[in-house]
N, C-alpha and C. Protein backbone atom coordinates (compact mmCIF):
# COMPACT_ATOMS: atom_id res chain seq x y z
N MET A 1 13.84 -3.71 32.29
CA MET A 1 14.61 -4.06 31.12
C MET A 1 13.95 -3.45 29.89
N THR A 2 14.72 -2.83 29.03
CA THR A 2 14.19 -2.19 27.83
C THR A 2 14.23 -3.17 26.67
N GLU A 3 13.11 -3.24 25.94
CA GLU A 3 13.04 -4.14 24.79
C GLU A 3 13.81 -3.55 23.63
N HIS A 4 14.52 -4.40 22.91
CA HIS A 4 15.27 -3.96 21.74
C HIS A 4 14.29 -3.43 20.70
N PRO A 5 14.58 -2.28 20.05
CA PRO A 5 13.61 -1.67 19.13
C PRO A 5 13.23 -2.55 17.95
N SER A 6 14.10 -3.49 17.54
CA SER A 6 13.76 -4.32 16.39
C SER A 6 13.03 -5.60 16.79
N ALA A 7 12.87 -5.85 18.09
CA ALA A 7 12.19 -7.06 18.54
C ALA A 7 10.68 -6.92 18.32
N ALA A 8 10.05 -8.05 18.01
CA ALA A 8 8.60 -8.04 17.80
C ALA A 8 7.89 -7.80 19.14
N PRO A 9 6.80 -7.05 19.12
CA PRO A 9 6.03 -6.85 20.35
C PRO A 9 5.37 -8.15 20.79
N ALA A 10 4.79 -8.16 21.99
CA ALA A 10 4.10 -9.34 22.50
C ALA A 10 2.96 -9.74 21.56
N GLY A 11 2.67 -11.05 21.53
CA GLY A 11 1.63 -11.57 20.64
C GLY A 11 0.24 -11.08 20.98
N LYS A 12 -0.64 -11.19 20.00
CA LYS A 12 -2.05 -10.83 20.17
C LYS A 12 -2.91 -12.01 19.69
N PRO A 13 -4.06 -12.22 20.32
CA PRO A 13 -4.95 -13.30 19.88
C PRO A 13 -5.51 -13.03 18.49
N THR A 14 -5.89 -14.09 17.83
CA THR A 14 -6.47 -13.99 16.49
C THR A 14 -7.62 -12.99 16.45
N SER A 15 -8.47 -13.03 17.46
CA SER A 15 -9.65 -12.16 17.47
C SER A 15 -9.30 -10.68 17.44
N TYR A 16 -8.11 -10.32 17.91
CA TYR A 16 -7.70 -8.91 17.94
C TYR A 16 -7.65 -8.32 16.53
N SER A 17 -7.30 -9.15 15.54
CA SER A 17 -7.13 -8.65 14.17
C SER A 17 -8.41 -8.64 13.35
N ARG A 18 -9.47 -9.24 13.84
CA ARG A 18 -10.68 -9.39 13.02
C ARG A 18 -11.30 -8.05 12.66
N VAL A 19 -11.59 -7.91 11.36
CA VAL A 19 -12.17 -6.68 10.82
C VAL A 19 -13.27 -7.07 9.84
N THR A 20 -14.35 -6.30 9.82
CA THR A 20 -15.40 -6.47 8.81
C THR A 20 -15.66 -5.12 8.16
N LEU A 21 -15.65 -5.10 6.84
CA LEU A 21 -16.06 -3.92 6.07
C LEU A 21 -17.31 -4.31 5.30
N SER A 22 -18.23 -3.38 5.17
CA SER A 22 -19.48 -3.64 4.45
C SER A 22 -19.78 -2.49 3.51
N ARG A 23 -20.37 -2.82 2.37
CA ARG A 23 -20.83 -1.77 1.46
C ARG A 23 -21.90 -2.32 0.53
N ILE A 24 -22.73 -1.41 0.07
CA ILE A 24 -23.75 -1.76 -0.93
C ILE A 24 -23.14 -1.54 -2.30
N MET A 25 -23.26 -2.53 -3.17
CA MET A 25 -22.71 -2.42 -4.52
C MET A 25 -23.67 -1.60 -5.39
N THR A 26 -23.08 -0.71 -6.19
CA THR A 26 -23.87 0.20 -7.02
C THR A 26 -23.56 0.01 -8.50
N ALA A 27 -24.24 0.77 -9.33
CA ALA A 27 -24.08 0.66 -10.78
C ALA A 27 -22.66 0.99 -11.24
N VAL A 28 -21.92 1.79 -10.49
CA VAL A 28 -20.54 2.10 -10.89
C VAL A 28 -19.61 0.92 -10.69
N ASP A 29 -20.06 -0.12 -9.99
CA ASP A 29 -19.22 -1.28 -9.69
C ASP A 29 -19.35 -2.40 -10.72
N VAL A 30 -20.23 -2.25 -11.71
CA VAL A 30 -20.52 -3.39 -12.60
C VAL A 30 -19.57 -3.50 -13.78
N ASN A 31 -19.50 -4.73 -14.30
CA ASN A 31 -18.73 -5.01 -15.51
C ASN A 31 -19.68 -5.06 -16.71
N LEU A 32 -19.18 -5.47 -17.84
CA LEU A 32 -20.01 -5.53 -19.06
C LEU A 32 -21.12 -6.56 -18.99
N TYR A 33 -21.04 -7.48 -18.04
CA TYR A 33 -22.06 -8.53 -17.91
C TYR A 33 -23.16 -8.15 -16.92
N GLY A 34 -23.03 -6.97 -16.30
CA GLY A 34 -24.06 -6.51 -15.39
C GLY A 34 -23.89 -6.98 -13.95
N THR A 35 -22.79 -7.67 -13.66
CA THR A 35 -22.50 -8.07 -12.28
C THR A 35 -21.31 -7.24 -11.78
N VAL A 36 -21.06 -7.30 -10.50
CA VAL A 36 -19.96 -6.51 -9.93
C VAL A 36 -18.63 -7.02 -10.47
N HIS A 37 -17.81 -6.10 -10.89
CA HIS A 37 -16.50 -6.39 -11.47
C HIS A 37 -15.61 -7.07 -10.43
N GLY A 38 -14.90 -8.12 -10.87
CA GLY A 38 -13.98 -8.82 -9.97
C GLY A 38 -12.94 -7.90 -9.37
N GLY A 39 -12.50 -6.91 -10.12
CA GLY A 39 -11.51 -5.96 -9.61
C GLY A 39 -12.02 -5.13 -8.47
N VAL A 40 -13.32 -4.81 -8.49
CA VAL A 40 -13.94 -4.07 -7.37
C VAL A 40 -13.88 -4.94 -6.12
N LEU A 41 -14.21 -6.22 -6.27
CA LEU A 41 -14.17 -7.13 -5.13
C LEU A 41 -12.73 -7.34 -4.66
N MET A 42 -11.78 -7.41 -5.59
CA MET A 42 -10.37 -7.58 -5.21
C MET A 42 -9.88 -6.40 -4.38
N LYS A 43 -10.25 -5.19 -4.77
CA LYS A 43 -9.86 -4.02 -3.98
C LYS A 43 -10.51 -4.05 -2.61
N PHE A 44 -11.76 -4.46 -2.55
CA PHE A 44 -12.47 -4.56 -1.28
C PHE A 44 -11.76 -5.59 -0.37
N VAL A 45 -11.37 -6.72 -0.95
CA VAL A 45 -10.63 -7.76 -0.23
C VAL A 45 -9.31 -7.19 0.29
N ASP A 46 -8.59 -6.47 -0.55
CA ASP A 46 -7.30 -5.89 -0.16
C ASP A 46 -7.50 -4.85 0.95
N ASP A 47 -8.55 -4.05 0.86
CA ASP A 47 -8.83 -3.04 1.88
C ASP A 47 -9.07 -3.68 3.25
N VAL A 48 -9.93 -4.70 3.31
CA VAL A 48 -10.25 -5.31 4.60
C VAL A 48 -9.04 -6.09 5.13
N ALA A 49 -8.29 -6.74 4.25
CA ALA A 49 -7.10 -7.47 4.68
C ALA A 49 -6.05 -6.50 5.21
N GLY A 50 -5.91 -5.36 4.55
CA GLY A 50 -4.96 -4.36 5.01
C GLY A 50 -5.31 -3.81 6.38
N ALA A 51 -6.61 -3.63 6.62
CA ALA A 51 -7.06 -3.15 7.93
C ALA A 51 -6.74 -4.18 9.02
N ALA A 52 -6.97 -5.46 8.73
CA ALA A 52 -6.67 -6.51 9.70
C ALA A 52 -5.16 -6.59 9.96
N ALA A 53 -4.36 -6.50 8.90
CA ALA A 53 -2.90 -6.57 9.04
C ALA A 53 -2.37 -5.39 9.85
N ALA A 54 -2.88 -4.19 9.57
CA ALA A 54 -2.43 -3.00 10.30
C ALA A 54 -2.83 -3.09 11.77
N ARG A 55 -4.05 -3.54 12.02
CA ARG A 55 -4.52 -3.68 13.40
C ARG A 55 -3.62 -4.67 14.15
N HIS A 56 -3.39 -5.82 13.54
CA HIS A 56 -2.59 -6.84 14.23
C HIS A 56 -1.15 -6.39 14.45
N SER A 57 -0.56 -5.79 13.43
CA SER A 57 0.86 -5.45 13.51
C SER A 57 1.11 -4.15 14.26
N GLY A 58 0.06 -3.39 14.53
CA GLY A 58 0.22 -2.15 15.28
C GLY A 58 0.82 -1.03 14.46
N GLY A 59 0.68 -1.08 13.15
CA GLY A 59 1.23 -0.04 12.30
C GLY A 59 1.02 -0.35 10.84
N THR A 60 1.79 0.33 10.01
CA THR A 60 1.63 0.18 8.57
C THR A 60 2.01 -1.22 8.11
N ALA A 61 1.18 -1.77 7.25
CA ALA A 61 1.44 -3.07 6.62
C ALA A 61 1.04 -2.95 5.15
N VAL A 62 1.86 -3.50 4.28
CA VAL A 62 1.61 -3.40 2.84
C VAL A 62 1.39 -4.78 2.23
N THR A 63 0.60 -4.82 1.17
CA THR A 63 0.34 -6.07 0.47
C THR A 63 1.60 -6.54 -0.22
N ALA A 64 2.02 -7.77 0.07
CA ALA A 64 3.19 -8.35 -0.58
C ALA A 64 2.76 -9.34 -1.66
N ALA A 65 1.64 -10.03 -1.43
CA ALA A 65 1.17 -11.03 -2.39
C ALA A 65 -0.30 -11.34 -2.13
N ILE A 66 -0.98 -11.67 -3.20
CA ILE A 66 -2.30 -12.27 -3.07
C ILE A 66 -2.07 -13.73 -3.41
N ASP A 67 -2.15 -14.55 -2.39
CA ASP A 67 -1.81 -15.96 -2.55
C ASP A 67 -2.90 -16.69 -3.33
N GLU A 68 -4.14 -16.32 -3.06
CA GLU A 68 -5.25 -17.00 -3.73
C GLU A 68 -6.50 -16.15 -3.56
N ILE A 69 -7.30 -16.10 -4.62
CA ILE A 69 -8.63 -15.51 -4.51
C ILE A 69 -9.56 -16.37 -5.35
N VAL A 70 -10.67 -16.75 -4.76
CA VAL A 70 -11.63 -17.60 -5.45
C VAL A 70 -12.98 -16.89 -5.43
N PHE A 71 -13.54 -16.71 -6.61
CA PHE A 71 -14.88 -16.12 -6.73
C PHE A 71 -15.88 -17.27 -6.85
N ALA A 72 -16.79 -17.36 -5.88
CA ALA A 72 -17.73 -18.48 -5.83
C ALA A 72 -19.07 -18.14 -6.46
N GLU A 73 -19.52 -16.91 -6.31
CA GLU A 73 -20.82 -16.47 -6.81
C GLU A 73 -20.71 -15.03 -7.29
N ALA A 74 -21.53 -14.68 -8.26
CA ALA A 74 -21.56 -13.30 -8.75
C ALA A 74 -22.22 -12.39 -7.71
N VAL A 75 -21.75 -11.15 -7.69
CA VAL A 75 -22.34 -10.12 -6.84
C VAL A 75 -23.12 -9.18 -7.75
N ARG A 76 -24.29 -8.76 -7.30
CA ARG A 76 -25.15 -7.92 -8.13
C ARG A 76 -25.30 -6.53 -7.54
N VAL A 77 -25.68 -5.61 -8.37
CA VAL A 77 -25.98 -4.26 -7.92
C VAL A 77 -27.08 -4.34 -6.86
N GLY A 78 -26.88 -3.62 -5.77
CA GLY A 78 -27.85 -3.61 -4.68
C GLY A 78 -27.51 -4.57 -3.56
N ASP A 79 -26.64 -5.55 -3.83
CA ASP A 79 -26.25 -6.49 -2.78
C ASP A 79 -25.47 -5.77 -1.68
N LEU A 80 -25.75 -6.12 -0.44
CA LEU A 80 -24.96 -5.64 0.69
C LEU A 80 -23.86 -6.66 0.91
N VAL A 81 -22.61 -6.23 0.70
CA VAL A 81 -21.48 -7.15 0.74
C VAL A 81 -20.66 -6.89 2.00
N HIS A 82 -20.31 -7.99 2.67
CA HIS A 82 -19.50 -7.93 3.89
C HIS A 82 -18.21 -8.70 3.64
N ALA A 83 -17.09 -8.06 3.93
CA ALA A 83 -15.78 -8.72 3.83
C ALA A 83 -15.24 -8.87 5.24
N HIS A 84 -14.97 -10.11 5.64
CA HIS A 84 -14.47 -10.42 6.98
C HIS A 84 -13.01 -10.87 6.84
N ALA A 85 -12.12 -10.30 7.66
CA ALA A 85 -10.71 -10.65 7.57
C ALA A 85 -10.13 -10.89 8.95
N GLN A 86 -9.09 -11.74 8.98
CA GLN A 86 -8.33 -11.95 10.20
C GLN A 86 -6.93 -12.42 9.84
N VAL A 87 -5.98 -12.13 10.72
CA VAL A 87 -4.63 -12.64 10.53
C VAL A 87 -4.63 -14.11 10.93
N ASN A 88 -4.18 -14.96 10.00
CA ASN A 88 -4.14 -16.40 10.24
C ASN A 88 -2.79 -16.87 10.75
N TRP A 89 -1.72 -16.18 10.31
CA TRP A 89 -0.36 -16.65 10.59
C TRP A 89 0.57 -15.44 10.58
N THR A 90 1.63 -15.52 11.35
CA THR A 90 2.65 -14.48 11.32
C THR A 90 4.03 -15.11 11.27
N GLY A 91 4.93 -14.41 10.58
CA GLY A 91 6.34 -14.76 10.58
C GLY A 91 7.09 -13.66 11.29
N GLN A 92 8.32 -13.39 10.85
CA GLN A 92 9.11 -12.32 11.47
C GLN A 92 8.57 -10.94 11.09
N THR A 93 8.34 -10.74 9.78
CA THR A 93 7.87 -9.43 9.30
C THR A 93 6.59 -9.57 8.47
N SER A 94 6.19 -10.79 8.17
CA SER A 94 5.03 -11.00 7.29
C SER A 94 3.88 -11.66 8.03
N MET A 95 2.70 -11.54 7.41
CA MET A 95 1.47 -12.10 7.96
C MET A 95 0.61 -12.62 6.83
N GLU A 96 -0.10 -13.71 7.07
CA GLU A 96 -1.14 -14.12 6.13
C GLU A 96 -2.47 -13.67 6.70
N VAL A 97 -3.27 -13.05 5.84
CA VAL A 97 -4.62 -12.62 6.21
C VAL A 97 -5.62 -13.40 5.38
N GLY A 98 -6.58 -14.01 6.04
CA GLY A 98 -7.66 -14.71 5.35
C GLY A 98 -8.87 -13.80 5.26
N VAL A 99 -9.54 -13.85 4.10
CA VAL A 99 -10.72 -13.01 3.87
C VAL A 99 -11.86 -13.88 3.36
N ARG A 100 -13.03 -13.61 3.89
CA ARG A 100 -14.27 -14.28 3.47
C ARG A 100 -15.25 -13.17 3.10
N VAL A 101 -15.81 -13.25 1.89
CA VAL A 101 -16.74 -12.22 1.41
C VAL A 101 -18.11 -12.86 1.22
N VAL A 102 -19.12 -12.25 1.84
CA VAL A 102 -20.50 -12.73 1.69
C VAL A 102 -21.38 -11.59 1.23
N ALA A 103 -22.48 -11.95 0.58
CA ALA A 103 -23.43 -10.95 0.09
C ALA A 103 -24.83 -11.25 0.60
N GLU A 104 -25.50 -10.19 1.03
CA GLU A 104 -26.92 -10.25 1.32
C GLU A 104 -27.61 -9.74 0.08
N ARG A 105 -28.39 -10.61 -0.57
CA ARG A 105 -29.06 -10.23 -1.82
C ARG A 105 -30.13 -9.19 -1.53
N TRP A 106 -30.13 -8.14 -2.34
CA TRP A 106 -31.06 -7.04 -2.12
C TRP A 106 -32.51 -7.48 -2.28
N ASP A 107 -32.74 -8.50 -3.10
CA ASP A 107 -34.11 -8.93 -3.38
C ASP A 107 -34.56 -10.09 -2.50
N SER A 108 -33.68 -10.54 -1.60
CA SER A 108 -34.05 -11.63 -0.68
C SER A 108 -33.28 -11.44 0.63
N ALA A 109 -33.45 -10.29 1.24
CA ALA A 109 -32.68 -9.90 2.42
C ALA A 109 -32.89 -10.82 3.62
N GLU A 110 -33.98 -11.58 3.64
CA GLU A 110 -34.22 -12.48 4.77
C GLU A 110 -33.46 -13.79 4.64
N ASP A 111 -32.92 -14.08 3.45
CA ASP A 111 -32.16 -15.31 3.25
C ASP A 111 -30.78 -15.18 3.89
N GLU A 112 -30.15 -16.32 4.09
CA GLU A 112 -28.79 -16.32 4.62
C GLU A 112 -27.85 -15.66 3.60
N PRO A 113 -26.81 -14.96 4.07
CA PRO A 113 -25.84 -14.40 3.14
C PRO A 113 -25.19 -15.50 2.30
N VAL A 114 -24.83 -15.13 1.07
CA VAL A 114 -24.23 -16.06 0.11
C VAL A 114 -22.72 -15.85 0.11
N LEU A 115 -21.95 -16.94 0.19
CA LEU A 115 -20.50 -16.83 0.08
C LEU A 115 -20.16 -16.46 -1.36
N VAL A 116 -19.45 -15.35 -1.55
CA VAL A 116 -19.13 -14.92 -2.91
C VAL A 116 -17.64 -14.99 -3.22
N ALA A 117 -16.78 -14.96 -2.20
CA ALA A 117 -15.34 -15.04 -2.47
C ALA A 117 -14.57 -15.38 -1.20
N THR A 118 -13.42 -16.01 -1.39
CA THR A 118 -12.46 -16.22 -0.31
C THR A 118 -11.09 -15.84 -0.85
N ALA A 119 -10.21 -15.43 0.04
CA ALA A 119 -8.87 -15.02 -0.40
C ALA A 119 -7.87 -15.15 0.73
N TYR A 120 -6.61 -15.31 0.33
CA TYR A 120 -5.48 -15.30 1.26
C TYR A 120 -4.46 -14.31 0.73
N LEU A 121 -4.08 -13.36 1.57
CA LEU A 121 -3.12 -12.33 1.18
C LEU A 121 -1.95 -12.34 2.15
N VAL A 122 -0.79 -11.93 1.66
CA VAL A 122 0.39 -11.81 2.49
C VAL A 122 0.71 -10.33 2.63
N PHE A 123 0.89 -9.88 3.86
CA PHE A 123 1.25 -8.50 4.15
C PHE A 123 2.58 -8.48 4.88
N VAL A 124 3.31 -7.38 4.72
CA VAL A 124 4.56 -7.16 5.43
C VAL A 124 4.42 -5.88 6.24
N GLY A 125 4.78 -5.96 7.50
CA GLY A 125 4.82 -4.76 8.32
C GLY A 125 6.01 -3.91 7.89
N VAL A 126 5.80 -2.60 7.75
CA VAL A 126 6.88 -1.71 7.33
C VAL A 126 6.99 -0.53 8.29
N ASP A 127 8.22 -0.01 8.40
CA ASP A 127 8.45 1.17 9.23
C ASP A 127 8.23 2.43 8.39
N VAL A 128 8.48 3.60 8.98
CA VAL A 128 8.22 4.86 8.28
C VAL A 128 9.07 5.02 7.01
N GLY A 129 10.21 4.34 6.95
CA GLY A 129 11.06 4.40 5.76
C GLY A 129 10.70 3.36 4.72
N GLY A 130 9.71 2.51 5.02
CA GLY A 130 9.29 1.48 4.07
C GLY A 130 10.04 0.17 4.21
N ALA A 131 10.94 0.07 5.19
CA ALA A 131 11.69 -1.18 5.41
C ALA A 131 10.86 -2.16 6.23
N PRO A 132 10.99 -3.46 5.98
CA PRO A 132 10.26 -4.44 6.79
C PRO A 132 10.59 -4.28 8.27
N ARG A 133 9.57 -4.48 9.10
CA ARG A 133 9.75 -4.39 10.55
C ARG A 133 9.12 -5.62 11.19
N PRO A 134 9.60 -6.00 12.36
CA PRO A 134 9.03 -7.16 13.05
C PRO A 134 7.55 -6.96 13.35
N VAL A 135 6.78 -8.04 13.24
CA VAL A 135 5.36 -8.00 13.61
C VAL A 135 5.14 -8.96 14.78
N ARG A 136 4.15 -8.64 15.58
CA ARG A 136 3.87 -9.47 16.75
C ARG A 136 3.31 -10.82 16.31
N PRO A 137 3.56 -11.85 17.08
CA PRO A 137 3.00 -13.17 16.75
C PRO A 137 1.47 -13.16 16.90
N VAL A 138 0.81 -13.98 16.08
CA VAL A 138 -0.62 -14.18 16.26
C VAL A 138 -0.78 -15.40 17.16
N LEU A 139 -1.73 -15.34 18.07
CA LEU A 139 -1.97 -16.42 19.03
C LEU A 139 -3.33 -17.04 18.76
N PRO A 140 -3.37 -18.16 18.02
CA PRO A 140 -4.65 -18.81 17.72
C PRO A 140 -5.41 -19.14 19.01
N GLU A 141 -6.73 -18.91 18.97
CA GLU A 141 -7.55 -19.09 20.17
C GLU A 141 -8.45 -20.32 20.12
N THR A 142 -8.85 -20.73 18.93
CA THR A 142 -9.82 -21.82 18.80
C THR A 142 -9.25 -22.91 17.89
N PRO A 143 -9.87 -24.08 17.88
CA PRO A 143 -9.43 -25.11 16.93
C PRO A 143 -9.48 -24.61 15.47
N GLU A 144 -10.47 -23.78 15.14
CA GLU A 144 -10.56 -23.22 13.80
C GLU A 144 -9.36 -22.30 13.52
N ASP A 145 -8.98 -21.49 14.49
CA ASP A 145 -7.80 -20.63 14.34
C ASP A 145 -6.54 -21.47 14.17
N GLU A 146 -6.43 -22.56 14.93
CA GLU A 146 -5.27 -23.46 14.81
C GLU A 146 -5.21 -24.08 13.42
N ARG A 147 -6.38 -24.49 12.89
CA ARG A 147 -6.43 -25.06 11.54
C ARG A 147 -5.98 -24.03 10.52
N ARG A 148 -6.46 -22.80 10.64
CA ARG A 148 -6.07 -21.74 9.71
C ARG A 148 -4.57 -21.48 9.77
N PHE A 149 -4.02 -21.48 10.98
CA PHE A 149 -2.58 -21.26 11.17
C PHE A 149 -1.78 -22.35 10.44
N ARG A 150 -2.15 -23.62 10.67
CA ARG A 150 -1.43 -24.74 10.03
C ARG A 150 -1.57 -24.68 8.51
N GLU A 151 -2.75 -24.37 8.00
CA GLU A 151 -2.94 -24.29 6.55
C GLU A 151 -2.17 -23.12 5.96
N ALA A 152 -2.05 -22.03 6.70
CA ALA A 152 -1.25 -20.88 6.25
C ALA A 152 0.22 -21.28 6.11
N GLU A 153 0.71 -22.11 7.04
CA GLU A 153 2.09 -22.59 6.94
C GLU A 153 2.29 -23.43 5.69
N ILE A 154 1.29 -24.22 5.32
CA ILE A 154 1.36 -25.03 4.09
C ILE A 154 1.41 -24.10 2.87
N ARG A 155 0.54 -23.08 2.84
CA ARG A 155 0.55 -22.15 1.70
C ARG A 155 1.89 -21.43 1.61
N ARG A 156 2.46 -21.05 2.74
CA ARG A 156 3.77 -20.38 2.74
C ARG A 156 4.84 -21.30 2.18
N ALA A 157 4.86 -22.55 2.62
CA ALA A 157 5.85 -23.51 2.12
C ALA A 157 5.71 -23.68 0.61
N HIS A 158 4.50 -23.71 0.11
CA HIS A 158 4.27 -23.83 -1.35
C HIS A 158 4.75 -22.59 -2.09
N ARG A 159 4.47 -21.40 -1.53
CA ARG A 159 4.96 -20.16 -2.16
C ARG A 159 6.47 -20.15 -2.27
N LEU A 160 7.14 -20.51 -1.17
CA LEU A 160 8.61 -20.50 -1.15
C LEU A 160 9.18 -21.55 -2.09
N ALA A 161 8.57 -22.74 -2.12
CA ALA A 161 9.04 -23.80 -3.02
C ALA A 161 8.85 -23.39 -4.48
N ARG A 162 7.73 -22.77 -4.80
CA ARG A 162 7.48 -22.31 -6.17
C ARG A 162 8.51 -21.26 -6.56
N ARG A 163 8.80 -20.32 -5.66
CA ARG A 163 9.79 -19.29 -5.93
C ARG A 163 11.17 -19.90 -6.19
N ARG A 164 11.56 -20.86 -5.34
CA ARG A 164 12.86 -21.53 -5.53
C ARG A 164 12.91 -22.27 -6.86
N ALA A 165 11.83 -22.96 -7.21
CA ALA A 165 11.79 -23.73 -8.46
C ALA A 165 11.91 -22.81 -9.67
N ILE A 166 11.22 -21.68 -9.63
CA ILE A 166 11.29 -20.73 -10.75
C ILE A 166 12.68 -20.13 -10.85
N GLN A 167 13.28 -19.77 -9.71
CA GLN A 167 14.63 -19.22 -9.73
C GLN A 167 15.64 -20.23 -10.26
N ALA A 168 15.49 -21.49 -9.87
CA ALA A 168 16.38 -22.54 -10.36
C ALA A 168 16.22 -22.72 -11.87
N HIS A 169 15.00 -22.68 -12.33
CA HIS A 169 14.73 -22.82 -13.77
C HIS A 169 15.36 -21.68 -14.56
N ARG A 170 15.21 -20.48 -14.05
CA ARG A 170 15.79 -19.30 -14.73
C ARG A 170 17.31 -19.33 -14.73
N ALA A 171 17.89 -19.90 -13.68
CA ALA A 171 19.35 -19.96 -13.58
C ALA A 171 19.93 -20.99 -14.56
N GLY A 172 19.06 -21.85 -15.09
CA GLY A 172 19.47 -22.82 -16.09
C GLY A 172 19.81 -24.10 -15.50
């Protein structure tokens, strides 16, 4: 039996989408306060989330929304920063990707990495023409993955409710 071309492929476990990117922060990354610019970290977050979304969906995926980003600690020049991402939830064409960013301080490399940021991004799988395409389901493997999946559904419901409320307000 041939699968319909618009049908989503078979699901993949959460672990399949996991990606880590690492880089050392340099002087070109700093802001006026001498710490790494939030925009540099935001791009890093988007890069790792995009890699996880593309891996999971088996093709091109584009950023549709940054649902939340929280900066917990400043990043300094010389810090080795690791961004860890995984797909938490999937819909028909969209996915939520969770990102955790940690830093190994250059001056205390033996210490545990410091949590510097967390983020949730929404990606949409797209075809070669840029139209949304079905994405495979994510299959949570652990209780932690199940928790992330359920919390992603809550964030999605809030996004949709906020959008409806704003549209209703604008309509008068």
